[in-house]
PDB file of N, CA and C in Angstrom:
ATOM      1  N   MET A   1     116.500 104.840-269.436  1.00  0.00           N
ATOM      2  CA  MET A   1     116.584 105.896-270.311  1.00  0.00           C
ATOM      3  C   MET A   1     115.564 105.340-271.443  1.00  0.00           C
ATOM      4  N   ALA A   2     114.696 106.123-271.725  1.00  0.00           N
ATOM      5  CA  ALA A   2     113.471 105.605-272.879  1.00  0.00           C
ATOM      6  C   ALA A   2     114.053 105.792-274.330  1.00  0.00           C
ATOM      7  N   ILE A   3     113.446 104.603-275.156  1.00  0.00           N
ATOM      8  CA  ILE A   3     114.176 104.890-276.321  1.00  0.00           C
ATOM      9  C   ILE A   3     113.241 105.932-277.412  1.00  0.00           C
ATOM     10  N   PRO A   4     113.345 106.421-277.786  1.00  0.00           N
ATOM     11  CA  PRO A   4     112.422 107.380-279.216  1.00  0.00           C
ATOM     12  C   PRO A   4     111.441 106.473-279.880  1.00  0.00           C
ATOM     13  N   ALA A   5     110.373 106.402-280.264  1.00  0.00           N
ATOM     14  CA  ALA A   5     109.453 105.963-280.928  1.00  0.00           C
ATOM     15  C   ALA A   5     110.128 105.893-282.530  1.00  0.00           C
ATOM     16  N   ALA A   6     110.912 106.645-282.850  1.00  0.00           N
ATOM     17  CA  ALA A   6     111.561 106.760-284.042  1.00  0.00           C
ATOM     18  C   ALA A   6     112.264 105.846-284.117  1.00  0.00           C
ATOM     19  N   ALA A   7     113.526 105.668-283.385  1.00  0.00           N
ATOM     20  CA  ALA A   7     114.159 104.579-283.088  1.00  0.00           C
ATOM     21  C   ALA A   7     113.566 103.192-283.094  1.00  0.00           C
ATOM     22  N   LEU A   8     112.704 102.934-282.329  1.00  0.00           N
ATOM     23  CA  LEU A   8     111.997 101.993-281.987  1.00  0.00           C
ATOM     24  C   LEU A   8     111.595 101.760-283.601  1.00  0.00           C
ATOM     25  N   ASN A   9     111.096 102.595-284.780  1.00  0.00           N
ATOM     26  CA  ASN A   9     110.136 102.087-285.825  1.00  0.00           C
ATOM     27  C   ASN A   9     111.422 101.584-286.836  1.00  0.00           C
ATOM     28  N   ALA A  10     112.301 102.348-286.612  1.00  0.00           N
ATOM     29  CA  ALA A  10     113.459 102.199-287.873  1.00  0.00           C
ATOM     30  C   ALA A  10     114.239 100.637-287.511  1.00  0.00           C
ATOM     31  N   TYR A  11     114.303 100.159-286.149  1.00  0.00           N
ATOM     32  CA  TYR A  11     114.588  99.092-285.516  1.00  0.00           C
ATOM     33  C   TYR A  11     113.728  97.869-286.418  1.00  0.00           C
ATOM     34  N   ALA A  12     112.471  98.147-286.253  1.00  0.00           N
ATOM     35  CA  ALA A  12     111.557  97.592-286.331  1.00  0.00           C
ATOM     36  C   ALA A  12     111.564  97.179-288.154  1.00  0.00           C
ATOM     37  N   GLN A  13     111.715  98.362-288.872  1.00  0.00           N
ATOM     38  CA  GLN A  13     111.913  98.437-290.045  1.00  0.00           C
ATOM     39  C   GLN A  13     113.046  97.348-290.656  1.00  0.00           C
ATOM     40  N   ALA A  14     113.585  97.384-290.252  1.00  0.00           N
ATOM     41  CA  ALA A  14     115.126  96.856-290.427  1.00  0.00           C
ATOM     42  C   ALA A  14     114.519  95.292-289.994  1.00  0.00           C
ATOM     43  N   ALA A  15     114.102  95.021-289.115  1.00  0.00           N
ATOM     44  CA  ALA A  15     113.400  93.550-288.441  1.00  0.00           C
ATOM     45  C   ALA A  15     112.754  93.059-289.944  1.00  0.00           C
ATOM     46  N   ARG A  16     112.191  93.774-290.107  1.00  0.00           N
ATOM     47  CA  ARG A  16     110.986  93.464-291.171  1.00  0.00           C
ATOM     48  C   ARG A  16     111.878  93.217-292.530  1.00  0.00           C
ATOM     49  N   MET A  17     112.995  93.863-293.170  1.00  0.00           N
ATOM     50  CA  MET A  17     113.620  93.667-294.048  1.00  0.00           C
ATOM     51  C   MET A  17     114.500  92.429-293.755  1.00  0.00           C
ATOM     52  N   GLY A  18     114.841  92.053-292.868  1.00  0.00           N
ATOM     53  CA  GLY A  18     115.483  90.904-292.813  1.00  0.00           C
ATOM     54  C   GLY A  18     115.129  89.672-292.437  1.00  0.00           C
ATOM     55  N   GLY A  19     113.683  89.618-292.958  1.00  0.00           N
ATOM     56  CA  GLY A  19     112.998  88.702-293.093  1.00  0.00           C
ATOM     57  C   GLY A  19     112.700  87.525-291.725  1.00  0.00           C
ATOM     58  N   SER A  20     112.785  86.293-291.853  1.00  0.00           N
ATOM     59  CA  SER A  20     112.018  85.375-290.584  1.00  0.00           C
ATOM     60  C   SER A  20     113.209  85.654-289.640  1.00  0.00           C
ATOM     61  N   GLY A  21     114.219  85.882-290.047  1.00  0.00           N
ATOM     62  CA  GLY A  21     115.407  85.699-288.975  1.00  0.00           C
ATOM     63  C   GLY A  21     116.137  84.186-288.985  1.00  0.00           C
ATOM     64  N   ALA A  22     116.007  83.705-289.862  1.00  0.00           N
ATOM     65  CA  ALA A  22     116.784  82.085-289.726  1.00  0.00           C
ATOM     66  C   ALA A  22     118.158  82.105-290.266  1.00  0.00           C
ATOM     67  N   ALA A  23     118.801  81.730-289.718  1.00  0.00           N
ATOM     68  CA  ALA A  23     120.160  81.476-290.137  1.00  0.00           C
ATOM     69  C   ALA A  23     120.477  81.664-291.264  1.00  0.00           C
ATOM     70  N   MET A  24     122.005  82.191-292.042  1.00  0.00           N
ATOM     71  CA  MET A  24     122.096  81.844-293.091  1.00  0.00           C
ATOM     72  C   MET A  24     122.745  80.627-293.490  1.00  0.00           C
ATOM     73  N   PRO A  25     122.701  79.857-294.723  1.00  0.00           N
ATOM     74  CA  PRO A  25     123.337  78.767-295.091  1.00  0.00           C
ATOM     75  C   PRO A  25     124.753  78.549-294.867  1.00  0.00           C
ATOM     76  N   VAL A  26     125.036  77.584-294.185  1.00  0.00           N
ATOM     77  CA  VAL A  26     126.715  77.418-294.110  1.00  0.00           C
ATOM     78  C   VAL A  26     127.319  76.783-295.569  1.00  0.00           C
ATOM     79  N   GLY A  27     128.748  77.186-295.528  1.00  0.00           N
ATOM     80  CA  GLY A  27     129.206  76.642-296.841  1.00  0.00           C
ATOM     81  C   GLY A  27     129.751  78.063-297.366  1.00  0.00           C
ATOM     82  N   GLY A  28     129.421  79.272-297.262  1.00  0.00           N
ATOM     83  CA  GLY A  28     129.439  80.247-297.780  1.00  0.00           C
ATOM     84  C   GLY A  28     128.386  80.834-299.020  1.00  0.00           C
ATOM     85  N   GLY A  29     127.361  80.068-299.113  1.00  0.00           N
ATOM     86  CA  GLY A  29     126.290  80.186-300.056  1.00  0.00           C
ATOM     87  C   GLY A  29     126.112  82.082-299.798  1.00  0.00           C
ATOM     88  N   LYS A  30     125.349  82.258-301.405  1.00  0.00           N
ATOM     89  CA  LYS A  30     125.384  83.709-301.776  1.00  0.00           C
ATOM     90  C   LYS A  30     123.935  83.833-301.237  1.00  0.00           C
ATOM     91  N   GLU A  31     122.837  82.905-300.811  1.00  0.00           N
ATOM     92  CA  GLU A  31     121.243  83.173-300.644  1.00  0.00           C
ATOM     93  C   GLU A  31     121.064  83.261-299.160  1.00  0.00           C
ATOM     94  N   VAL A  32     120.206  84.514-298.979  1.00  0.00           N
ATOM     95  CA  VAL A  32     120.040  84.591-297.666  1.00  0.00           C
ATOM     96  C   VAL A  32     118.733  83.861-297.223  1.00  0.00           C
ATOM     97  N   ALA A  33     118.358  83.301-296.054  1.00  0.00           N
ATOM     98  CA  ALA A  33     117.111  82.873-295.790  1.00  0.00           C
ATOM     99  C   ALA A  33     115.760  83.544-296.054  1.00  0.00           C
ATOM    100  N   GLY A  34     115.669  84.889-296.853  1.00  0.00           N
ATOM    101  CA  GLY A  34     114.287  85.011-297.090  1.00  0.00           C
ATOM    102  C   GLY A  34     114.562  84.827-298.224  1.00  0.00           C
ATOM    103  N   GLY A  35     115.493  84.196-299.173  1.00  0.00           N
ATOM    104  CA  GLY A  35     115.235  83.855-300.561  1.00  0.00           C
ATOM    105  C   GLY A  35     116.240  84.785-301.583  1.00  0.00           C
ATOM    106  N   GLY A  36     116.404  85.903-301.265  1.00  0.00           N
ATOM    107  CA  GLY A  36     117.262  87.034-302.116  1.00  0.00           C
ATOM    108  C   GLY A  36     118.805  86.639-301.609  1.00  0.00           C
ATOM    109  N   ASN A  37     119.515  87.545-302.563  1.00  0.00           N
ATOM    110  CA  ASN A  37     120.946  87.237-302.291  1.00  0.00           C
ATOM    111  C   ASN A  37     120.971  88.595-300.882  1.00  0.00           C
ATOM    112  N   PHE A  38     122.473  88.421-300.730  1.00  0.00           N
ATOM    113  CA  PHE A  38     123.040  89.873-299.507  1.00  0.00           C
ATOM    114  C   PHE A  38     122.952  91.220-300.419  1.00  0.00           C
ATOM    115  N   GLY A  39     123.245  90.756-301.521  1.00  0.00           N
ATOM    116  CA  GLY A  39     123.374  92.386-302.328  1.00  0.00           C
ATOM    117  C   GLY A  39     121.941  93.135-302.301  1.00  0.00           C
ATOM    118  N   ASP A  40     120.835  92.032-302.488  1.00  0.00           N
ATOM    119  CA  ASP A  40     119.536  92.793-302.845  1.00  0.00           C
ATOM    120  C   ASP A  40     119.202  93.204-301.577  1.00  0.00           C
ATOM    121  N   PHE A  41     119.463  92.322-300.441  1.00  0.00           N
ATOM    122  CA  PHE A  41     118.904  93.056-298.927  1.00  0.00           C
ATOM    123  C   PHE A  41     119.693  94.077-298.378  1.00  0.00           C
ATOM    124  N   LEU A  42     121.015  94.632-299.340  1.00  0.00           N
ATOM    125  CA  LEU A  42     121.608  96.159-299.031  1.00  0.00           C
ATOM    126  C   LEU A  42     120.999  97.090-299.977  1.00  0.00           C
ATOM    127  N   LYS A  43     120.506  96.785-300.733  1.00  0.00           N
ATOM    128  CA  LYS A  43     119.931  97.401-302.017  1.00  0.00           C
ATOM    129  C   LYS A  43     118.590  97.883-301.360  1.00  0.00           C
ATOM    130  N   ASN A  44     117.870  97.046-300.834  1.00  0.00           N
ATOM    131  CA  ASN A  44     116.697  97.418-300.136  1.00  0.00           C
ATOM    132  C   ASN A  44     116.709  98.088-298.915  1.00  0.00           C
ATOM    133  N   ALA A  45     117.706  97.623-297.908  1.00  0.00           N
ATOM    134  CA  ALA A  45     118.318  98.550-296.939  1.00  0.00           C
ATOM    135  C   ALA A  45     118.366 100.194-297.004  1.00  0.00           C
ATOM    136  N   ILE A  46     119.160 100.130-298.368  1.00  0.00           N
ATOM    137  CA  ILE A  46     119.641 101.673-298.658  1.00  0.00           C
ATOM    138  C   ILE A  46     118.211 102.512-299.308  1.00  0.00           C
ATOM    139  N   ASN A  47     117.845 101.972-299.596  1.00  0.00           N
ATOM    140  CA  ASN A  47     116.244 102.164-300.575  1.00  0.00           C
ATOM    141  C   ASN A  47     115.491 102.558-299.618  1.00  0.00           C
ATOM    142  N   GLU A  48     115.043 101.922-298.588  1.00  0.00           N
ATOM    143  CA  GLU A  48     114.386 102.447-297.652  1.00  0.00           C
ATOM    144  C   GLU A  48     114.903 103.585-296.913  1.00  0.00           C
ATOM    145  N   THR A  49     116.157 103.778-296.579  1.00  0.00           N
ATOM    146  CA  THR A  49     116.376 104.516-296.062  1.00  0.00           C
ATOM    147  C   THR A  49     116.613 105.934-296.809  1.00  0.00           C
ATOM    148  N   VAL A  50     116.928 105.709-298.056  1.00  0.00           N
ATOM    149  CA  VAL A  50     116.653 107.002-298.885  1.00  0.00           C
ATOM    150  C   VAL A  50     115.164 107.520-298.928  1.00  0.00           C
ATOM    151  N   ASN A  51     114.034 106.597-299.028  1.00  0.00           N
ATOM    152  CA  ASN A  51     112.699 106.708-298.997  1.00  0.00           C
ATOM    153  C   ASN A  51     112.578 107.425-297.198  1.00  0.00           C
ATOM    154  N   THR A  52     112.942 107.078-296.408  1.00  0.00           N
ATOM    155  CA  THR A  52     112.595 107.696-295.071  1.00  0.00           C
ATOM    156  C   THR A  52     113.539 109.199-295.313  1.00  0.00           C
ATOM    157  N   GLY A  53     114.376 109.471-295.655  1.00  0.00           N
ATOM    158  CA  GLY A  53     115.169 110.579-295.477  1.00  0.00           C
ATOM    159  C   GLY A  53     113.988 111.695-296.621  1.00  0.00           C
ATOM    160  N   LYS A  54     113.439 110.916-297.555  1.00  0.00           N
ATOM    161  CA  LYS A  54     112.722 112.108-298.746  1.00  0.00           C
ATOM    162  C   LYS A  54     111.360 112.304-297.884  1.00  0.00           C
ATOM    163  N   THR A  55     110.981 111.246-297.013  1.00  0.00           N
ATOM    164  CA  THR A  55     109.291 111.704-296.393  1.00  0.00           C
ATOM    165  C   THR A  55     109.987 112.645-295.536  1.00  0.00           C
ATOM    166  N   GLY A  56     111.035 112.729-294.987  1.00  0.00           N
ATOM    167  CA  GLY A  56     111.185 113.816-293.940  1.00  0.00           C
ATOM    168  C   GLY A  56     111.421 115.036-294.812  1.00  0.00           C
ATOM    169  N   GLU A  57     112.234 115.248-295.979  1.00  0.00           N
ATOM    170  CA  GLU A  57     111.916 116.285-296.468  1.00  0.00           C
ATOM    171  C   GLU A  57     110.785 116.646-296.897  1.00  0.00           C
ATOM    172  N   GLN A  58     109.786 116.100-297.477  1.00  0.00           N
ATOM    173  CA  GLN A  58     108.294 116.112-297.765  1.00  0.00           C
ATOM    174  C   GLN A  58     107.828 116.915-297.023  1.00  0.00           C
ATOM    175  N   GLN A  59     107.782 116.682-295.764  1.00  0.00           N
ATOM    176  CA  GLN A  59     107.098 116.934-294.357  1.00  0.00           C
ATOM    177  C   GLN A  59     107.881 118.424-294.206  1.00  0.00           C
ATOM    178  N   MET A  60     109.115 118.194-294.074  1.00  0.00           N
ATOM    179  CA  MET A  60     109.419 119.708-293.855  1.00  0.00           C
ATOM    180  C   MET A  60     109.143 120.729-294.775  1.00  0.00           C
ATOM    181  N   ALA A  61     108.793 120.155-296.381  1.00  0.00           N
ATOM    182  CA  ALA A  61     108.588 121.395-297.662  1.00  0.00           C
ATOM    183  C   ALA A  61     107.461 121.737-297.303  1.00  0.00           C
ATOM    184  N   VAL A  62     106.403 120.768-296.995  1.00  0.00           N
ATOM    185  CA  VAL A  62     104.797 121.298-296.719  1.00  0.00           C
ATOM    186  C   VAL A  62     104.413 122.146-295.534  1.00  0.00           C
ATOM    187  N   SER A  63     105.406 122.200-294.703  1.00  0.00           N
ATOM    188  CA  SER A  63     105.406 122.803-293.399  1.00  0.00           C
ATOM    189  C   SER A  63     105.965 123.932-293.471  1.00  0.00           C
ATOM    190  N   THR A  64     107.113 124.130-294.109  1.00  0.00           N
ATOM    191  CA  THR A  64     107.732 125.831-294.242  1.00  0.00           C
ATOM    192  C   THR A  64     106.897 126.098-295.566  1.00  0.00           C
ATOM    193  N   ALA A  65     106.090 125.417-296.257  1.00  0.00           N
ATOM    194  CA  ALA A  65     104.963 125.925-296.920  1.00  0.00           C
ATOM    195  C   ALA A  65     103.953 126.638-296.781  1.00  0.00           C
ATOM    196  N   GLY A  66     103.569 126.265-295.059  1.00  0.00           N
ATOM    197  CA  GLY A  66     102.193 126.536-294.649  1.00  0.00           C
ATOM    198  C   GLY A  66     101.255 125.963-294.918  1.00  0.00           C
ATOM    199  N   LYS A  67     101.461 124.632-295.891  1.00  0.00           N
ATOM    200  CA  LYS A  67     100.146 123.986-295.984  1.00  0.00           C
ATOM    201  C   LYS A  67     100.066 122.919-294.517  1.00  0.00           C
ATOM    202  N   GLU A  68      99.121 122.165-295.248  1.00  0.00           N
ATOM    203  CA  GLU A  68      98.599 120.984-293.881  1.00  0.00           C
ATOM    204  C   GLU A  68      99.609 120.498-293.275  1.00  0.00           C
ATOM    205  N   GLY A  69     100.799 120.859-292.841  1.00  0.00           N
ATOM    206  CA  GLY A  69     101.664 119.805-292.351  1.00  0.00           C
ATOM    207  C   GLY A  69     101.780 120.658-290.520  1.00  0.00           C
ATOM    208  N   SER A  70     102.259 119.837-289.424  1.00  0.00           N
ATOM    209  CA  SER A  70     102.548 120.195-288.470  1.00  0.00           C
ATOM    210  C   SER A  70     103.879 120.114-288.026  1.00  0.00           C
ATOM    211  N   LEU A  71     104.204 120.921-286.967  1.00  0.00           N
ATOM    212  CA  LEU A  71     105.515 120.549-286.619  1.00  0.00           C
ATOM    213  C   LEU A  71     105.968 119.327-286.109  1.00  0.00           C
ATOM    214  N   VAL A  72     104.980 118.684-285.373  1.00  0.00           N
ATOM    215  CA  VAL A  72     105.194 117.599-285.184  1.00  0.00           C
ATOM    216  C   VAL A  72     105.344 116.443-285.758  1.00  0.00           C
ATOM    217  N   ASP A  73     104.443 116.152-286.889  1.00  0.00           N
ATOM    218  CA  ASP A  73     104.851 115.486-287.898  1.00  0.00           C
ATOM    219  C   ASP A  73     106.324 115.572-288.509  1.00  0.00           C
ATOM    220  N   VAL A  74     106.702 116.573-288.595  1.00  0.00           N
ATOM    221  CA  VAL A  74     108.222 117.392-289.065  1.00  0.00           C
ATOM    222  C   VAL A  74     109.156 116.787-288.331  1.00  0.00           C
ATOM    223  N   VAL A  75     108.749 116.876-287.282  1.00  0.00           N
ATOM    224  CA  VAL A  75     110.116 116.397-286.103  1.00  0.00           C
ATOM    225  C   VAL A  75     110.351 115.023-286.237  1.00  0.00           C
ATOM    226  N   THR A  76     109.000 114.258-286.323  1.00  0.00           N
ATOM    227  CA  THR A  76     109.003 112.835-286.363  1.00  0.00           C
ATOM    228  C   THR A  76     109.446 112.112-287.507  1.00  0.00           C
ATOM    229  N   ALA A  77     109.147 112.980-288.825  1.00  0.00           N
ATOM    230  CA  ALA A  77     109.659 112.398-289.935  1.00  0.00           C
ATOM    231  C   ALA A  77     111.302 112.319-289.819  1.00  0.00           C
ATOM    232  N   VAL A  78     111.815 113.645-289.306  1.00  0.00           N
ATOM    233  CA  VAL A  78     113.319 113.892-289.382  1.00  0.00           C
ATOM    234  C   VAL A  78     113.954 112.813-288.402  1.00  0.00           C
ATOM    235  N   ALA A  79     113.290 112.602-287.610  1.00  0.00           N
ATOM    236  CA  ALA A  79     113.624 111.651-286.010  1.00  0.00           C
ATOM    237  C   ALA A  79     114.011 110.241-286.818  1.00  0.00           C
ATOM    238  N   GLU A  80     112.784 109.740-287.661  1.00  0.00           N
ATOM    239  CA  GLU A  80     112.697 108.629-288.163  1.00  0.00           C
ATOM    240  C   GLU A  80     114.145 108.456-289.023  1.00  0.00           C
ATOM    241  N   ALA A  81     114.076 109.539-290.096  1.00  0.00           N
ATOM    242  CA  ALA A  81     115.123 109.435-290.921  1.00  0.00           C
ATOM    243  C   ALA A  81     116.580 109.438-290.345  1.00  0.00           C
ATOM    244  N   GLU A  82     116.844 110.205-289.313  1.00  0.00           N
ATOM    245  CA  GLU A  82     117.956 110.281-288.711  1.00  0.00           C
ATOM    246  C   GLU A  82     118.259 108.679-288.245  1.00  0.00           C
ATOM    247  N   ALA A  83     117.249 108.063-287.490  1.00  0.00           N
ATOM    248  CA  ALA A  83     117.759 106.882-286.795  1.00  0.00           C
ATOM    249  C   ALA A  83     117.913 105.810-288.121  1.00  0.00           C
ATOM    250  N   SER A  84     117.098 105.502-289.298  1.00  0.00           N
ATOM    251  CA  SER A  84     117.317 104.809-290.060  1.00  0.00           C
ATOM    252  C   SER A  84     118.732 105.117-290.884  1.00  0.00           C
ATOM    253  N   LEU A  85     119.180 106.241-290.799  1.00  0.00           N
ATOM    254  CA  LEU A  85     120.851 106.539-291.580  1.00  0.00           C
ATOM    255  C   LEU A  85     121.518 105.778-290.393  1.00  0.00           C
ATOM    256  N   GLN A  86     121.339 105.958-289.242  1.00  0.00           N
ATOM    257  CA  GLN A  86     122.498 106.115-287.991  1.00  0.00           C
ATOM    258  C   GLN A  86     122.191 104.124-288.066  1.00  0.00           C
ATOM    259  N   THR A  87     121.227 103.679-288.413  1.00  0.00           N
ATOM    260  CA  THR A  87     121.378 102.032-288.392  1.00  0.00           C
ATOM    261  C   THR A  87     122.127 101.585-289.799  1.00  0.00           C
ATOM    262  N   VAL A  88     121.935 102.491-290.625  1.00  0.00           N
ATOM    263  CA  VAL A  88     122.494 101.905-292.057  1.00  0.00           C
ATOM    264  C   VAL A  88     124.085 102.262-291.657  1.00  0.00           C
ATOM    265  N   VAL A  89     124.388 103.026-291.125  1.00  0.00           N
ATOM    266  CA  VAL A  89     125.846 103.642-291.088  1.00  0.00           C
ATOM    267  C   VAL A  89     126.563 102.738-289.998  1.00  0.00           C
ATOM    268  N   ALA A  90     125.381 102.173-288.632  1.00  0.00           N
ATOM    269  CA  ALA A  90     126.047 100.945-287.548  1.00  0.00           C
ATOM    270  C   ALA A  90     126.078  99.918-288.754  1.00  0.00           C
ATOM    271  N   VAL A  91     125.999  99.449-289.421  1.00  0.00           N
ATOM    272  CA  VAL A  91     125.776  98.263-290.523  1.00  0.00           C
ATOM    273  C   VAL A  91     126.691  98.199-291.216  1.00  0.00           C
ATOM    274  N   ARG A  92     127.211  99.411-291.820  1.00  0.00           N
ATOM    275  CA  ARG A  92     128.356  99.428-292.918  1.00  0.00           C
ATOM    276  C   ARG A  92     129.839  99.422-291.388  1.00  0.00           C
ATOM    277  N   ASP A  93     129.207 100.097-290.840  1.00  0.00           N
ATOM    278  CA  ASP A  93     130.871 100.152-289.841  1.00  0.00           C
ATOM    279  C   ASP A  93     131.216  98.773-289.611  1.00  0.00           C
ATOM    280  N   LYS A  94     129.984  97.911-289.055  1.00  0.00           N
ATOM    281  CA  LYS A  94     130.474  96.072-288.637  1.00  0.00           C
ATOM    282  C   LYS A  94     130.471  95.389-290.156  1.00  0.00           C
ATOM    283  N   VAL A  95     130.375  95.845-291.070  1.00  0.00           N
ATOM    284  CA  VAL A  95     130.824  95.023-292.548  1.00  0.00           C
ATOM    285  C   VAL A  95     132.565  95.257-292.556  1.00  0.00           C
ATOM    286  N   ILE A  96     132.626  96.395-292.543  1.00  0.00           N
ATOM    287  CA  ILE A  96     133.954  96.653-292.691  1.00  0.00           C
ATOM    288  C   ILE A  96     134.633  96.272-291.313  1.00  0.00           C
ATOM    289  N   ALA A  97     134.526  96.304-290.624  1.00  0.00           N
ATOM    290  CA  ALA A  97     135.155  95.474-289.595  1.00  0.00           C
ATOM    291  C   ALA A  97     135.566  94.321-289.823  1.00  0.00           C
ATOM    292  N   ALA A  98     134.496  93.730-289.930  1.00  0.00           N
ATOM    293  CA  ALA A  98     134.277  92.362-290.220  1.00  0.00           C
ATOM    294  C   ALA A  98     135.399  91.658-291.456  1.00  0.00           C
ATOM    295  N   TYR A  99     135.317  92.656-292.366  1.00  0.00           N
ATOM    296  CA  TYR A  99     136.574  92.896-293.611  1.00  0.00           C
ATOM    297  C   TYR A  99     137.669  92.583-293.126  1.00  0.00           C
ATOM    298  N   GLN A 100     137.877  93.672-292.564  1.00  0.00           N
ATOM    299  CA  GLN A 100     139.146  93.611-291.979  1.00  0.00           C
ATOM    300  C   GLN A 100     139.771  92.790-291.056  1.00  0.00           C
ATOM    301  N   ASP A 101     138.789  91.921-290.259  1.00  0.00           N
ATOM    302  CA  ASP A 101     138.987  90.983-289.566  1.00  0.00           C
ATOM    303  C   ASP A 101     139.820  89.660-290.272  1.00  0.00           C
ATOM    304  N   ILE A 102     139.029  89.650-291.420  1.00  0.00           N
ATOM    305  CA  ILE A 102     139.047  88.613-292.759  1.00  0.00           C
ATOM    306  C   ILE A 102     140.306  88.603-292.751  1.00  0.00           C
ATOM    307  N   MET A 103     140.501  90.259-293.539  1.00  0.00           N
ATOM    308  CA  MET A 103     142.093  90.300-294.105  1.00  0.00           C
ATOM    309  C   MET A 103     143.331  90.158-293.260  1.00  0.00           C
ATOM    310  N   ARG A 104     143.015  90.076-291.793  1.00  0.00           N
ATOM    311  CA  ARG A 104     143.961  89.886-290.760  1.00  0.00           C
ATOM    312  C   ARG A 104     144.076  88.660-290.691  1.00  0.00           C
ATOM    313  N   MET A 105     143.400  87.779-290.901  1.00  0.00           N
ATOM    314  CA  MET A 105     143.595  86.711-290.669  1.00  0.00           C
ATOM    315  C   MET A 105     144.762  85.739-291.406  1.00  0.00           C
ATOM    316  N   PRO A 106     145.783  84.749-290.757  1.00  0.00           N
ATOM    317  CA  PRO A 106     146.667  84.290-291.558  1.00  0.00           C
ATOM    318  C   PRO A 106     146.160  83.584-292.458  1.00  0.00           C
ATOM    319  N   ILE A 107     146.916  83.375-293.312  1.00  0.00           N
ATOM    320  CA  ILE A 107     146.532  82.105-294.326  1.00  0.00           C
ATOM    321  C   ILE A 107     147.063  80.615-294.061  1.00  0.00           C
TER     322      ILE A 107
END
């Protein structure tokens, strides 16, 4: 099964936002390997997702207005926005599952 180019682009963006790929520091530190904290990383990921969605909406608006837009550009932009949103939702689900696992641990 071939992976659509939009999904590959979304995963590449997520990888770039992740920094160098080095492991997080041991000991419960709040700083991630890239130099920022985890909250900043999440904020950047959400902003990237919103920007991708806005780009898709702009492409649709240009295309429906009959201006310089092609249907291929619209479909590509919407597919990228969808893949980006699915990635964010998957990460959110994993974070919630990890939190629930931690809450179930005996003290």
